[in-house]
Amino acid sequence: MATAEQVAHYYEGFCRVVDNMNAGKPDNMTQASWDDYHRPINIEWLKFIVTADFWTDEDLTIADNLIE
């Protein structure tokens, strides 16, 4: 089981990924790089992390629109 510190670390990472995805492609990145690599890998990570068994009462619903 994850410690409270580990859960906080994962939640912080979760929030950063969601924020980055909602911000969209950075100006210094090609559209192809965003579409072919960065966006899909972040979505796959979100799919994995929301199903982790260590969450307690964290609200992860903000990722639902990104994952679908």
Protein backbone atom coordinates (compact mmCIF):
# COMPACT_ATOMS: atom_id res chain seq x y z
CA MET A 1 0.00 0.00 0.00
CA ALA A 2 1.22 3.47 -0.85
CA THR A 3 2.15 5.88 1.89
CA ALA A 4 0.37 9.23 2.24
CA GLU A 5 3.49 10.88 0.83
CA GLN A 6 3.46 8.63 -2.22
CA VAL A 7 -0.24 9.24 -2.83
CA ALA A 8 0.35 13.00 -2.58
CA HIS A 9 3.22 12.67 -5.07
CA TYR A 10 1.05 10.75 -7.55
CA TYR A 11 -1.83 13.20 -7.11
CA GLU A 12 0.49 16.13 -7.78
CA GLY A 13 1.71 14.39 -10.95
CA PHE A 14 -1.87 13.61 -11.93
CA CYS A 15 -2.82 17.27 -11.58
CA ARG A 16 0.21 18.40 -13.60
CA VAL A 17 -0.61 16.01 -16.45
CA VAL A 18 -4.26 17.10 -16.49
CA ASP A 19 -3.22 20.77 -16.51
CA ASN A 20 -0.73 20.17 -19.34
CA MET A 21 -3.28 18.25 -21.38
CA ASN A 22 -5.90 20.95 -20.88
CA ALA A 23 -3.39 23.62 -21.91
CA GLY A 24 -2.81 21.79 -25.18
CA LYS A 25 0.25 21.57 -27.38
CA PRO A 26 3.12 23.79 -26.30
CA ASP A 27 4.20 26.35 -28.89
CA ASN A 28 7.66 24.84 -29.15
CA MET A 29 6.35 21.35 -30.04
CA THR A 30 5.34 20.13 -33.48
CA GLN A 31 1.75 19.08 -33.96
CA ALA A 32 2.94 15.64 -35.05
CA SER A 33 4.95 15.20 -31.86
CA TRP A 34 1.94 16.21 -29.77
CA ASP A 35 -0.52 13.99 -31.68
CA ASP A 36 1.71 10.97 -32.14
CA TYR A 37 3.60 10.83 -28.87
CA HIS A 38 2.98 13.28 -26.06
CA ARG A 39 -0.82 13.32 -25.98
CA PRO A 40 -1.27 9.52 -26.28
CA ILE A 41 1.37 8.67 -23.67
CA ASN A 42 -0.18 11.10 -21.18
CA ILE A 43 -3.66 9.68 -21.79
CA GLU A 44 -2.36 6.14 -21.24
CA TRP A 45 -0.70 7.25 -17.99
CA LEU A 46 -3.96 8.85 -16.83
CA LYS A 47 -5.88 5.65 -17.63
CA PHE A 48 -3.39 3.70 -15.54
CA ILE A 49 -3.18 6.10 -12.61
CA VAL A 50 -6.95 6.56 -12.12
CA THR A 51 -7.31 2.80 -11.63
CA ALA A 52 -4.56 2.58 -8.99
CA ASP A 53 -5.70 0.96 -5.76
CA PHE A 54 -4.16 3.51 -3.40
CA TRP A 55 -6.57 6.39 -3.94
CA THR A 56 -8.77 7.29 -1.00
CA ASP A 57 -10.94 10.39 -1.38
CA GLU A 58 -9.07 12.21 -4.16
CA ASP A 59 -11.33 13.52 -6.91
CA LEU A 60 -9.98 12.15 -10.20
CA THR A 61 -13.04 12.92 -12.34
CA ILE A 62 -11.25 15.85 -13.99
CA ALA A 63 -9.43 13.29 -16.16
CA ASP A 64 -12.63 11.68 -17.47
CA ASN A 65 -13.00 13.95 -20.52
CA LEU A 66 -9.33 13.48 -21.42
CA ILE A 67 -9.51 9.70 -21.19
CA GLU A 68 -12.72 9.21 -23.14
